[in-house]
Amino acid sequence: MVEQLASRPSNISADAWLRDVSTRANVNPQIQGQKLTVSSVPARKVRYRTVSGEEMESVYVVSGSDTFALDFNGELDSKRPGVPLEKLNGYAIYLEMITTFRVELH
């Protein structure tokens, strides 16, 4: 899923904004986070763990003041709780989606 988030205030750096957004956009505990670049703009990939033990991942991208979240949470069923995202169908497609994501510059 791709979602547009709140605009980055001009007085906050992109890195600080991405750290802030990653904690406000998803209240689950972060178990991993890394700074990266997507389509030549700053981004942050964050892995979360839900109360039930399932993982989800979001890549937050900021271009100018525009902020986007690219999310993957899989479709876990009750027979597969706690399966790492890398083992779920669709995760490879999600990673490809991230590499092809583009933000039109205004």
PDB file of N, CA and C in Angstrom:
ATOM      1  N   MET A   1       0.841  -1.172   0.000  1.00  0.00           N
ATOM      2  CA  MET A   1       0.000   0.000   0.000  1.00  0.00           C
ATOM      3  C   MET A   1       0.890   1.240   0.000  1.00  0.00           C
ATOM      4  N   VAL A   2       0.502   2.253  -0.741  1.00  0.00           N
ATOM      5  CA  VAL A   2       1.183   3.545  -0.743  1.00  0.00           C
ATOM      6  C   VAL A   2       0.200   4.576  -0.223  1.00  0.00           C
ATOM      7  N   GLU A   3       0.680   5.390   0.704  1.00  0.00           N
ATOM      8  CA  GLU A   3      -0.188   6.383   1.329  1.00  0.00           C
ATOM      9  C   GLU A   3       0.562   7.702   1.446  1.00  0.00           C
ATOM     10  N   GLN A   4      -0.100   8.802   1.123  1.00  0.00           N
ATOM     11  CA  GLN A   4       0.505  10.111   1.346  1.00  0.00           C
ATOM     12  C   GLN A   4       0.228  10.528   2.776  1.00  0.00           C
ATOM     13  N   LEU A   5       1.275  11.011   3.448  1.00  0.00           N
ATOM     14  CA  LEU A   5       1.177  11.408   4.850  1.00  0.00           C
ATOM     15  C   LEU A   5       1.220  12.926   4.970  1.00  0.00           C
ATOM     16  N   ALA A   6       1.279  13.406   6.191  1.00  0.00           N
ATOM     17  CA  ALA A   6       1.351  14.840   6.459  1.00  0.00           C
ATOM     18  C   ALA A   6       2.585  15.446   5.799  1.00  0.00           C
ATOM     19  N   SER A   7       2.501  16.711   5.468  1.00  0.00           N
ATOM     20  CA  SER A   7       3.622  17.415   4.857  1.00  0.00           C
ATOM     21  C   SER A   7       4.713  17.695   5.876  1.00  0.00           C
ATOM     22  N   ARG A   8       5.965  17.640   5.408  1.00  0.00           N
ATOM     23  CA  ARG A   8       7.114  17.943   6.271  1.00  0.00           C
ATOM     24  C   ARG A   8       7.189  19.453   6.477  1.00  0.00           C
ATOM     25  N   PRO A   9       7.236  19.887   7.736  1.00  0.00           N
ATOM     26  CA  PRO A   9       7.428  21.320   8.005  1.00  0.00           C
ATOM     27  C   PRO A   9       8.801  21.764   7.486  1.00  0.00           C
ATOM     28  N   SER A  10       8.875  22.961   6.985  1.00  0.00           N
ATOM     29  CA  SER A  10      10.118  23.459   6.376  1.00  0.00           C
ATOM     30  C   SER A  10      11.252  23.637   7.386  1.00  0.00           C
ATOM     31  N   ASN A  11      10.927  23.730   8.659  1.00  0.00           N
ATOM     32  CA  ASN A  11      11.976  23.948   9.669  1.00  0.00           C
ATOM     33  C   ASN A  11      12.537  22.646  10.258  1.00  0.00           C
ATOM     34  N   ILE A  12      12.149  21.490   9.702  1.00  0.00           N
ATOM     35  CA  ILE A  12      12.625  20.190  10.187  1.00  0.00           C
ATOM     36  C   ILE A  12      13.374  19.500   9.052  1.00  0.00           C
ATOM     37  N   SER A  13      14.561  18.968   9.361  1.00  0.00           N
ATOM     38  CA  SER A  13      15.343  18.271   8.338  1.00  0.00           C
ATOM     39  C   SER A  13      14.604  17.006   7.898  1.00  0.00           C
ATOM     40  N   ALA A  14      14.934  16.538   6.703  1.00  0.00           N
ATOM     41  CA  ALA A  14      14.298  15.327   6.177  1.00  0.00           C
ATOM     42  C   ALA A  14      14.550  14.129   7.093  1.00  0.00           C
ATOM     43  N   ASP A  15      15.794  13.972   7.574  1.00  0.00           N
ATOM     44  CA  ASP A  15      16.109  12.839   8.457  1.00  0.00           C
ATOM     45  C   ASP A  15      15.315  12.892   9.761  1.00  0.00           C
ATOM     46  N   ALA A  16      15.255  14.068  10.370  1.00  0.00           N
ATOM     47  CA  ALA A  16      14.495  14.213  11.618  1.00  0.00           C
ATOM     48  C   ALA A  16      13.013  13.956  11.375  1.00  0.00           C
ATOM     49  N   TRP A  17      12.501  14.450  10.243  1.00  0.00           N
ATOM     50  CA  TRP A  17      11.098  14.247   9.914  1.00  0.00           C
ATOM     51  C   TRP A  17      10.779  12.765   9.719  1.00  0.00           C
ATOM     52  N   LEU A  18      11.657  12.049   9.018  1.00  0.00           N
ATOM     53  CA  LEU A  18      11.429  10.623   8.786  1.00  0.00           C
ATOM     54  C   LEU A  18      11.444   9.837  10.088  1.00  0.00           C
ATOM     55  N   ARG A  19      12.339  10.183  11.004  1.00  0.00           N
ATOM     56  CA  ARG A  19      12.353   9.508  12.318  1.00  0.00           C
ATOM     57  C   ARG A  19      11.050   9.793  13.064  1.00  0.00           C
ATOM     58  N   ASP A  20      10.597  11.039  13.022  1.00  0.00           N
ATOM     59  CA  ASP A  20       9.365  11.417  13.706  1.00  0.00           C
ATOM     60  C   ASP A  20       8.150  10.728  13.088  1.00  0.00           C
ATOM     61  N   VAL A  21       8.059  10.777  11.777  1.00  0.00           N
ATOM     62  CA  VAL A  21       6.924  10.165  11.079  1.00  0.00           C
ATOM     63  C   VAL A  21       6.862   8.662  11.353  1.00  0.00           C
ATOM     64  N   SER A  22       8.022   8.009  11.387  1.00  0.00           N
ATOM     65  CA  SER A  22       8.030   6.556  11.584  1.00  0.00           C
ATOM     66  C   SER A  22       7.511   6.150  12.965  1.00  0.00           C
ATOM     67  N   THR A  23       7.576   7.053  13.931  1.00  0.00           N
ATOM     68  CA  THR A  23       7.025   6.732  15.250  1.00  0.00           C
ATOM     69  C   THR A  23       5.561   7.151  15.379  1.00  0.00           C
ATOM     70  N   ARG A  24       5.161   8.176  14.652  1.00  0.00           N
ATOM     71  CA  ARG A  24       3.769   8.633  14.746  1.00  0.00           C
ATOM     72  C   ARG A  24       2.831   7.882  13.810  1.00  0.00           C
ATOM     73  N   ALA A  25       3.326   7.449  12.649  1.00  0.00           N
ATOM     74  CA  ALA A  25       2.469   6.784  11.662  1.00  0.00           C
ATOM     75  C   ALA A  25       2.104   5.354  12.063  1.00  0.00           C
ATOM     76  N   ASN A  26       2.935   4.759  12.902  1.00  0.00           N
ATOM     77  CA  ASN A  26       2.689   3.383  13.340  1.00  0.00           C
ATOM     78  C   ASN A  26       3.108   3.288  14.801  1.00  0.00           C
ATOM     79  N   VAL A  27       2.163   2.995  15.670  1.00  0.00           N
ATOM     80  CA  VAL A  27       2.445   2.993  17.109  1.00  0.00           C
ATOM     81  C   VAL A  27       3.023   1.678  17.619  1.00  0.00           C
ATOM     82  N   ASN A  28       3.140   0.670  16.755  1.00  0.00           N
ATOM     83  CA  ASN A  28       3.749  -0.589  17.167  1.00  0.00           C
ATOM     84  C   ASN A  28       5.238  -0.385  17.444  1.00  0.00           C
ATOM     85  N   PRO A  29       5.823  -1.210  18.313  1.00  0.00           N
ATOM     86  CA  PRO A  29       7.254  -1.081  18.599  1.00  0.00           C
ATOM     87  C   PRO A  29       8.107  -1.322  17.356  1.00  0.00           C
ATOM     88  N   GLN A  30       9.103  -0.470  17.175  1.00  0.00           N
ATOM     89  CA  GLN A  30      10.051  -0.638  16.076  1.00  0.00           C
ATOM     90  C   GLN A  30      11.093  -1.670  16.481  1.00  0.00           C
ATOM     91  N   ILE A  31      11.357  -2.629  15.598  1.00  0.00           N
ATOM     92  CA  ILE A  31      12.378  -3.632  15.886  1.00  0.00           C
ATOM     93  C   ILE A  31      13.602  -3.460  14.998  1.00  0.00           C
ATOM     94  N   GLN A  32      13.487  -2.599  13.990  1.00  0.00           N
ATOM     95  CA  GLN A  32      14.582  -2.338  13.061  1.00  0.00           C
ATOM     96  C   GLN A  32      14.305  -1.028  12.351  1.00  0.00           C
ATOM     97  N   GLY A  33      15.346  -0.311  12.025  1.00  0.00           N
ATOM     98  CA  GLY A  33      15.185   0.898  11.230  1.00  0.00           C
ATOM     99  C   GLY A  33      16.478   1.220  10.508  1.00  0.00           C
ATOM    100  N   GLN A  34      16.358   1.711   9.289  1.00  0.00           N
ATOM    101  CA  GLN A  34      17.557   2.090   8.564  1.00  0.00           C
ATOM    102  C   GLN A  34      17.265   3.230   7.604  1.00  0.00           C
ATOM    103  N   LYS A  35      18.230   4.112   7.480  1.00  0.00           N
ATOM    104  CA  LYS A  35      18.172   5.233   6.561  1.00  0.00           C
ATOM    105  C   LYS A  35      18.510   4.707   5.161  1.00  0.00           C
ATOM    106  N   LEU A  36      17.792   5.184   4.142  1.00  0.00           N
ATOM    107  CA  LEU A  36      18.104   4.814   2.776  1.00  0.00           C
ATOM    108  C   LEU A  36      17.651   5.906   1.832  1.00  0.00           C
ATOM    109  N   THR A  37      17.876   5.690   0.553  1.00  0.00           N
ATOM    110  CA  THR A  37      17.464   6.622  -0.484  1.00  0.00           C
ATOM    111  C   THR A  37      16.570   5.871  -1.462  1.00  0.00           C
ATOM    112  N   VAL A  38      15.464   6.484  -1.814  1.00  0.00           N
ATOM    113  CA  VAL A  38      14.541   5.909  -2.798  1.00  0.00           C
ATOM    114  C   VAL A  38      14.353   6.959  -3.887  1.00  0.00           C
ATOM    115  N   SER A  39      14.686   6.613  -5.100  1.00  0.00           N
ATOM    116  CA  SER A  39      14.537   7.538  -6.222  1.00  0.00           C
ATOM    117  C   SER A  39      15.245   8.868  -5.939  1.00  0.00           C
ATOM    118  N   SER A  40      16.428   8.784  -5.356  1.00  0.00           N
ATOM    119  CA  SER A  40      17.286   9.945  -5.072  1.00  0.00           C
ATOM    120  C   SER A  40      16.750  10.883  -3.994  1.00  0.00           C
ATOM    121  N   VAL A  41      15.778  10.436  -3.219  1.00  0.00           N
ATOM    122  CA  VAL A  41      15.272  11.261  -2.116  1.00  0.00           C
ATOM    123  C   VAL A  41      15.409  10.492  -0.801  1.00  0.00           C
ATOM    124  N   PRO A  42      15.482  11.222   0.323  1.00  0.00           N
ATOM    125  CA  PRO A  42      15.655  10.567   1.627  1.00  0.00           C
ATOM    126  C   PRO A  42      14.493   9.647   1.979  1.00  0.00           C
ATOM    127  N   ALA A  43      14.843   8.523   2.604  1.00  0.00           N
ATOM    128  CA  ALA A  43      13.831   7.553   3.019  1.00  0.00           C
ATOM    129  C   ALA A  43      14.308   6.843   4.283  1.00  0.00           C
ATOM    130  N   ARG A  44      13.384   6.176   4.941  1.00  0.00           N
ATOM    131  CA  ARG A  44      13.693   5.387   6.130  1.00  0.00           C
ATOM    132  C   ARG A  44      12.837   4.131   6.103  1.00  0.00           C
ATOM    133  N   LYS A  45      13.484   2.957   6.227  1.00  0.00           N
ATOM    134  CA  LYS A  45      12.768   1.677   6.286  1.00  0.00           C
ATOM    135  C   LYS A  45      12.685   1.248   7.742  1.00  0.00           C
ATOM    136  N   VAL A  46      11.469   0.910   8.179  1.00  0.00           N
ATOM    137  CA  VAL A  46      11.245   0.542   9.578  1.00  0.00           C
ATOM    138  C   VAL A  46      10.444  -0.754   9.645  1.00  0.00           C
ATOM    139  N   ARG A  47      10.922  -1.672  10.475  1.00  0.00           N
ATOM    140  CA  ARG A  47      10.211  -2.938  10.738  1.00  0.00           C
ATOM    141  C   ARG A  47       9.557  -2.803  12.104  1.00  0.00           C
ATOM    142  N   TYR A  48       8.288  -3.187  12.190  1.00  0.00           N
ATOM    143  CA  TYR A  48       7.509  -3.122  13.428  1.00  0.00           C
ATOM    144  C   TYR A  48       7.063  -4.523  13.827  1.00  0.00           C
ATOM    145  N   ARG A  49       6.752  -4.692  15.108  1.00  0.00           N
ATOM    146  CA  ARG A  49       6.163  -5.937  15.595  1.00  0.00           C
ATOM    147  C   ARG A  49       4.877  -5.605  16.339  1.00  0.00           C
ATOM    148  N   THR A  50       3.809  -6.321  15.965  1.00  0.00           N
ATOM    149  CA  THR A  50       2.513  -6.097  16.603  1.00  0.00           C
ATOM    150  C   THR A  50       2.455  -6.846  17.936  1.00  0.00           C
ATOM    151  N   VAL A  51       1.437  -6.569  18.699  1.00  0.00           N
ATOM    152  CA  VAL A  51       1.237  -7.237  19.985  1.00  0.00           C
ATOM    153  C   VAL A  51       1.115  -8.750  19.801  1.00  0.00           C
ATOM    154  N   SER A  52       0.537  -9.174  18.673  1.00  0.00           N
ATOM    155  CA  SER A  52       0.366 -10.602  18.418  1.00  0.00           C
ATOM    156  C   SER A  52       1.639 -11.262  17.880  1.00  0.00           C
ATOM    157  N   GLY A  53       2.711 -10.484  17.696  1.00  0.00           N
ATOM    158  CA  GLY A  53       3.981 -11.038  17.248  1.00  0.00           C
ATOM    159  C   GLY A  53       4.208 -10.987  15.751  1.00  0.00           C
ATOM    160  N   GLU A  54       3.248 -10.473  15.004  1.00  0.00           N
ATOM    161  CA  GLU A  54       3.406 -10.365  13.560  1.00  0.00           C
ATOM    162  C   GLU A  54       4.285  -9.159  13.226  1.00  0.00           C
ATOM    163  N   GLU A  55       4.981  -9.236  12.092  1.00  0.00           N
ATOM    164  CA  GLU A  55       5.817  -8.141  11.637  1.00  0.00           C
ATOM    165  C   GLU A  55       5.120  -7.366  10.532  1.00  0.00           C
ATOM    166  N   MET A  56       5.466  -6.099  10.421  1.00  0.00           N
ATOM    167  CA  MET A  56       5.056  -5.256   9.312  1.00  0.00           C
ATOM    168  C   MET A  56       6.200  -4.308   9.018  1.00  0.00           C
ATOM    169  N   GLU A  57       6.244  -3.778   7.806  1.00  0.00           N
ATOM    170  CA  GLU A  57       7.346  -2.912   7.428  1.00  0.00           C
ATOM    171  C   GLU A  57       6.812  -1.725   6.648  1.00  0.00           C
ATOM    172  N   SER A  58       7.434  -0.573   6.862  1.00  0.00           N
ATOM    173  CA  SER A  58       7.085   0.634   6.125  1.00  0.00           C
ATOM    174  C   SER A  58       8.357   1.313   5.666  1.00  0.00           C
ATOM    175  N   VAL A  59       8.292   1.866   4.449  1.00  0.00           N
ATOM    176  CA  VAL A  59       9.356   2.733   3.957  1.00  0.00           C
ATOM    177  C   VAL A  59       8.732   4.108   3.835  1.00  0.00           C
ATOM    178  N   TYR A  60       9.304   5.059   4.561  1.00  0.00           N
ATOM    179  CA  TYR A  60       8.837   6.440   4.534  1.00  0.00           C
ATOM    180  C   TYR A  60       9.754   7.222   3.608  1.00  0.00           C
ATOM    181  N   VAL A  61       9.156   7.976   2.685  1.00  0.00           N
ATOM    182  CA  VAL A  61       9.898   8.728   1.679  1.00  0.00           C
ATOM    183  C   VAL A  61       9.472  10.184   1.771  1.00  0.00           C
ATOM    184  N   VAL A  62      10.458  11.085   1.740  1.00  0.00           N
ATOM    185  CA  VAL A  62      10.134  12.509   1.759  1.00  0.00           C
ATOM    186  C   VAL A  62      10.813  13.193   0.575  1.00  0.00           C
ATOM    187  N   SER A  63      10.012  13.949  -0.176  1.00  0.00           N
ATOM    188  CA  SER A  63      10.507  14.713  -1.320  1.00  0.00           C
ATOM    189  C   SER A  63       9.981  16.129  -1.169  1.00  0.00           C
ATOM    190  N   GLY A  64      10.876  17.058  -0.850  1.00  0.00           N
ATOM    191  CA  GLY A  64      10.423  18.401  -0.518  1.00  0.00           C
ATOM    192  C   GLY A  64       9.608  18.320   0.753  1.00  0.00           C
ATOM    193  N   SER A  65       8.347  18.728   0.670  1.00  0.00           N
ATOM    194  CA  SER A  65       7.476  18.601   1.842  1.00  0.00           C
ATOM    195  C   SER A  65       6.550  17.395   1.737  1.00  0.00           C
ATOM    196  N   ASP A  66       6.539  16.734   0.581  1.00  0.00           N
ATOM    197  CA  ASP A  66       5.666  15.570   0.394  1.00  0.00           C
ATOM    198  C   ASP A  66       6.243  14.346   1.103  1.00  0.00           C
ATOM    199  N   THR A  67       5.393  13.649   1.839  1.00  0.00           N
ATOM    200  CA  THR A  67       5.804  12.462   2.582  1.00  0.00           C
ATOM    201  C   THR A  67       4.889  11.305   2.211  1.00  0.00           C
ATOM    202  N   PHE A  68       5.499  10.143   1.980  1.00  0.00           N
ATOM    203  CA  PHE A  68       4.753   8.953   1.592  1.00  0.00           C
ATOM    204  C   PHE A  68       5.176   7.771   2.454  1.00  0.00           C
ATOM    205  N   ALA A  69       4.255   6.838   2.645  1.00  0.00           N
ATOM    206  CA  ALA A  69       4.550   5.576   3.321  1.00  0.00           C
ATOM    207  C   ALA A  69       4.239   4.452   2.344  1.00  0.00           C
ATOM    208  N   LEU A  70       5.193   3.545   2.191  1.00  0.00           N
ATOM    209  CA  LEU A  70       5.004   2.330   1.399  1.00  0.00           C
ATOM    210  C   LEU A  70       4.994   1.199   2.406  1.00  0.00           C
ATOM    211  N   ASP A  71       3.871   0.531   2.553  1.00  0.00           N
ATOM    212  CA  ASP A  71       3.672  -0.427   3.638  1.00  0.00           C
ATOM    213  C   ASP A  71       3.522  -1.858   3.136  1.00  0.00           C
ATOM    214  N   PHE A  72       4.038  -2.781   3.950  1.00  0.00           N
ATOM    215  CA  PHE A  72       3.814  -4.211   3.714  1.00  0.00           C
ATOM    216  C   PHE A  72       3.567  -4.870   5.059  1.00  0.00           C
ATOM    217  N   ASN A  73       2.434  -5.555   5.176  1.00  0.00           N
ATOM    218  CA  ASN A  73       2.172  -6.278   6.416  1.00  0.00           C
ATOM    219  C   ASN A  73       1.807  -7.734   6.153  1.00  0.00           C
ATOM    220  N   GLY A  74       1.882  -8.136   4.903  1.00  0.00           N
ATOM    221  CA  GLY A  74       1.574  -9.517   4.580  1.00  0.00           C
ATOM    222  C   GLY A  74       0.110  -9.823   4.843  1.00  0.00           C
ATOM    223  N   GLU A  75      -0.225 -11.051   4.651  1.00  0.00           N
ATOM    224  CA  GLU A  75      -1.580 -11.498   4.942  1.00  0.00           C
ATOM    225  C   GLU A  75      -1.472 -12.765   5.763  1.00  0.00           C
ATOM    226  N   LEU A  76      -1.017 -12.594   6.981  1.00  0.00           N
ATOM    227  CA  LEU A  76      -0.832 -13.737   7.869  1.00  0.00           C
ATOM    228  C   LEU A  76      -2.179 -14.304   8.279  1.00  0.00           C
ATOM    229  N   ASP A  77      -2.249 -15.598   8.331  1.00  0.00           N
ATOM    230  CA  ASP A  77      -3.449 -16.217   8.863  1.00  0.00           C
ATOM    231  C   ASP A  77      -3.119 -16.833  10.219  1.00  0.00           C
ATOM    232  N   SER A  78      -4.111 -17.301  10.899  1.00  0.00           N
ATOM    233  CA  SER A  78      -3.916 -17.794  12.265  1.00  0.00           C
ATOM    234  C   SER A  78      -3.013 -19.020  12.323  1.00  0.00           C
ATOM    235  N   LYS A  79      -2.760 -19.668  11.187  1.00  0.00           N
ATOM    236  CA  LYS A  79      -1.897 -20.845  11.174  1.00  0.00           C
ATOM    237  C   LYS A  79      -0.421 -20.491  11.045  1.00  0.00           C
ATOM    238  N   ARG A  80      -0.120 -19.213  10.771  1.00  0.00           N
ATOM    239  CA  ARG A  80       1.269 -18.816  10.542  1.00  0.00           C
ATOM    240  C   ARG A  80       1.664 -17.586  11.347  1.00  0.00           C
ATOM    241  N   PRO A  81       1.348 -17.499  12.619  1.00  0.00           N
ATOM    242  CA  PRO A  81       1.729 -16.298  13.376  1.00  0.00           C
ATOM    243  C   PRO A  81       3.249 -16.220  13.549  1.00  0.00           C
ATOM    244  N   GLY A  82       3.755 -15.008  13.502  1.00  0.00           N
ATOM    245  CA  GLY A  82       5.172 -14.800  13.754  1.00  0.00           C
ATOM    246  C   GLY A  82       6.092 -15.146  12.600  1.00  0.00           C
ATOM    247  N   VAL A  83       5.568 -15.374  11.408  1.00  0.00           N
ATOM    248  CA  VAL A  83       6.398 -15.686  10.249  1.00  0.00           C
ATOM    249  C   VAL A  83       7.111 -14.408   9.810  1.00  0.00           C
ATOM    250  N   PRO A  84       8.438 -14.458   9.601  1.00  0.00           N
ATOM    251  CA  PRO A  84       9.155 -13.256   9.138  1.00  0.00           C
ATOM    252  C   PRO A  84       8.617 -12.782   7.786  1.00  0.00           C
ATOM    253  N   LEU A  85       8.609 -11.485   7.583  1.00  0.00           N
ATOM    254  CA  LEU A  85       8.078 -10.927   6.339  1.00  0.00           C
ATOM    255  C   LEU A  85       8.750 -11.496   5.102  1.00  0.00           C
ATOM    256  N   GLU A  86      10.047 -11.750   5.188  1.00  0.00           N
ATOM    257  CA  GLU A  86      10.787 -12.252   4.037  1.00  0.00           C
ATOM    258  C   GLU A  86      10.252 -13.587   3.518  1.00  0.00           C
ATOM    259  N   LYS A  87       9.558 -14.321   4.353  1.00  0.00           N
ATOM    260  CA  LYS A  87       9.020 -15.631   3.965  1.00  0.00           C
ATOM    261  C   LYS A  87       7.595 -15.553   3.420  1.00  0.00           C
ATOM    262  N   LEU A  88       7.010 -14.369   3.429  1.00  0.00           N
ATOM    263  CA  LEU A  88       5.625 -14.220   2.984  1.00  0.00           C
ATOM    264  C   LEU A  88       5.545 -13.936   1.486  1.00  0.00           C
ATOM    265  N   ASN A  89       4.491 -14.465   0.876  1.00  0.00           N
ATOM    266  CA  ASN A  89       4.222 -14.147  -0.524  1.00  0.00           C
ATOM    267  C   ASN A  89       4.019 -12.641  -0.641  1.00  0.00           C
ATOM    268  N   GLY A  90       4.565 -12.068  -1.638  1.00  0.00           N
ATOM    269  CA  GLY A  90       4.378 -10.637  -1.855  1.00  0.00           C
ATOM    270  C   GLY A  90       5.507  -9.768  -1.356  1.00  0.00           C
ATOM    271  N   TYR A  91       6.362 -10.277  -0.472  1.00  0.00           N
ATOM    272  CA  TYR A  91       7.430  -9.427   0.064  1.00  0.00           C
ATOM    273  C   TYR A  91       8.416  -9.019  -1.032  1.00  0.00           C
ATOM    274  N   ALA A  92       8.765  -9.937  -1.913  1.00  0.00           N
ATOM    275  CA  ALA A  92       9.684  -9.608  -3.008  1.00  0.00           C
ATOM    276  C   ALA A  92       9.066  -8.550  -3.931  1.00  0.00           C
ATOM    277  N   ILE A  93       7.772  -8.626  -4.135  1.00  0.00           N
ATOM    278  CA  ILE A  93       7.079  -7.624  -4.961  1.00  0.00           C
ATOM    279  C   ILE A  93       7.118  -6.267  -4.267  1.00  0.00           C
ATOM    280  N   TYR A  94       6.906  -6.254  -2.971  1.00  0.00           N
ATOM    281  CA  TYR A  94       6.993  -5.016  -2.182  1.00  0.00           C
ATOM    282  C   TYR A  94       8.380  -4.389  -2.325  1.00  0.00           C
ATOM    283  N   LEU A  95       9.435  -5.197  -2.230  1.00  0.00           N
ATOM    284  CA  LEU A  95      10.791  -4.667  -2.375  1.00  0.00           C
ATOM    285  C   LEU A  95      11.002  -4.086  -3.774  1.00  0.00           C
ATOM    286  N   GLU A  96      10.458  -4.729  -4.777  1.00  0.00           N
ATOM    287  CA  GLU A  96      10.553  -4.210  -6.150  1.00  0.00           C
ATOM    288  C   GLU A  96       9.779  -2.905  -6.273  1.00  0.00           C
ATOM    289  N   MET A  97       8.624  -2.834  -5.628  1.00  0.00           N
ATOM    290  CA  MET A  97       7.827  -1.616  -5.649  1.00  0.00           C
ATOM    291  C   MET A  97       8.632  -0.448  -5.087  1.00  0.00           C
ATOM    292  N   ILE A  98       9.380  -0.694  -4.041  1.00  0.00           N
ATOM    293  CA  ILE A  98      10.193   0.366  -3.441  1.00  0.00           C
ATOM    294  C   ILE A  98      11.235   0.865  -4.437  1.00  0.00           C
ATOM    295  N   THR A  99      11.897  -0.049  -5.152  1.00  0.00           N
ATOM    296  CA  THR A  99      12.944   0.372  -6.083  1.00  0.00           C
ATOM    297  C   THR A  99      12.387   1.131  -7.278  1.00  0.00           C
ATOM    298  N   THR A 100      11.115   0.951  -7.594  1.00  0.00           N
ATOM    299  CA  THR A 100      10.534   1.632  -8.749  1.00  0.00           C
ATOM    300  C   THR A 100       9.703   2.845  -8.361  1.00  0.00           C
ATOM    301  N   PHE A 101       9.556   3.131  -7.066  1.00  0.00           N
ATOM    302  CA  PHE A 101       8.755   4.260  -6.602  1.00  0.00           C
ATOM    303  C   PHE A 101       9.406   5.569  -7.052  1.00  0.00           C
ATOM    304  N   ARG A 102       8.629   6.454  -7.637  1.00  0.00           N
ATOM    305  CA  ARG A 102       9.120   7.744  -8.090  1.00  0.00           C
ATOM    306  C   ARG A 102       8.207   8.847  -7.585  1.00  0.00           C
ATOM    307  N   VAL A 103       8.822   9.962  -7.225  1.00  0.00           N
ATOM    308  CA  VAL A 103       8.061  11.141  -6.812  1.00  0.00           C
ATOM    309  C   VAL A 103       8.281  12.195  -7.876  1.00  0.00           C
ATOM    310  N   GLU A 104       7.188  12.717  -8.406  1.00  0.00           N
ATOM    311  CA  GLU A 104       7.295  13.776  -9.416  1.00  0.00           C
ATOM    312  C   GLU A 104       7.665  15.069  -8.719  1.00  0.00           C
ATOM    313  N   LEU A 105       8.778  15.649  -9.124  1.00  0.00           N
ATOM    314  CA  LEU A 105       9.225  16.910  -8.535  1.00  0.00           C
ATOM    315  C   LEU A 105       8.449  18.069  -9.134  1.00  0.00           C
ATOM    316  N   HIS A 106       8.041  18.981  -8.279  1.00  0.00           N
ATOM    317  CA  HIS A 106       7.262  20.146  -8.731  1.00  0.00           C
ATOM    318  C   HIS A 106       8.175  21.320  -8.977  1.00  0.00           C
TER     319      HIS A 106
END
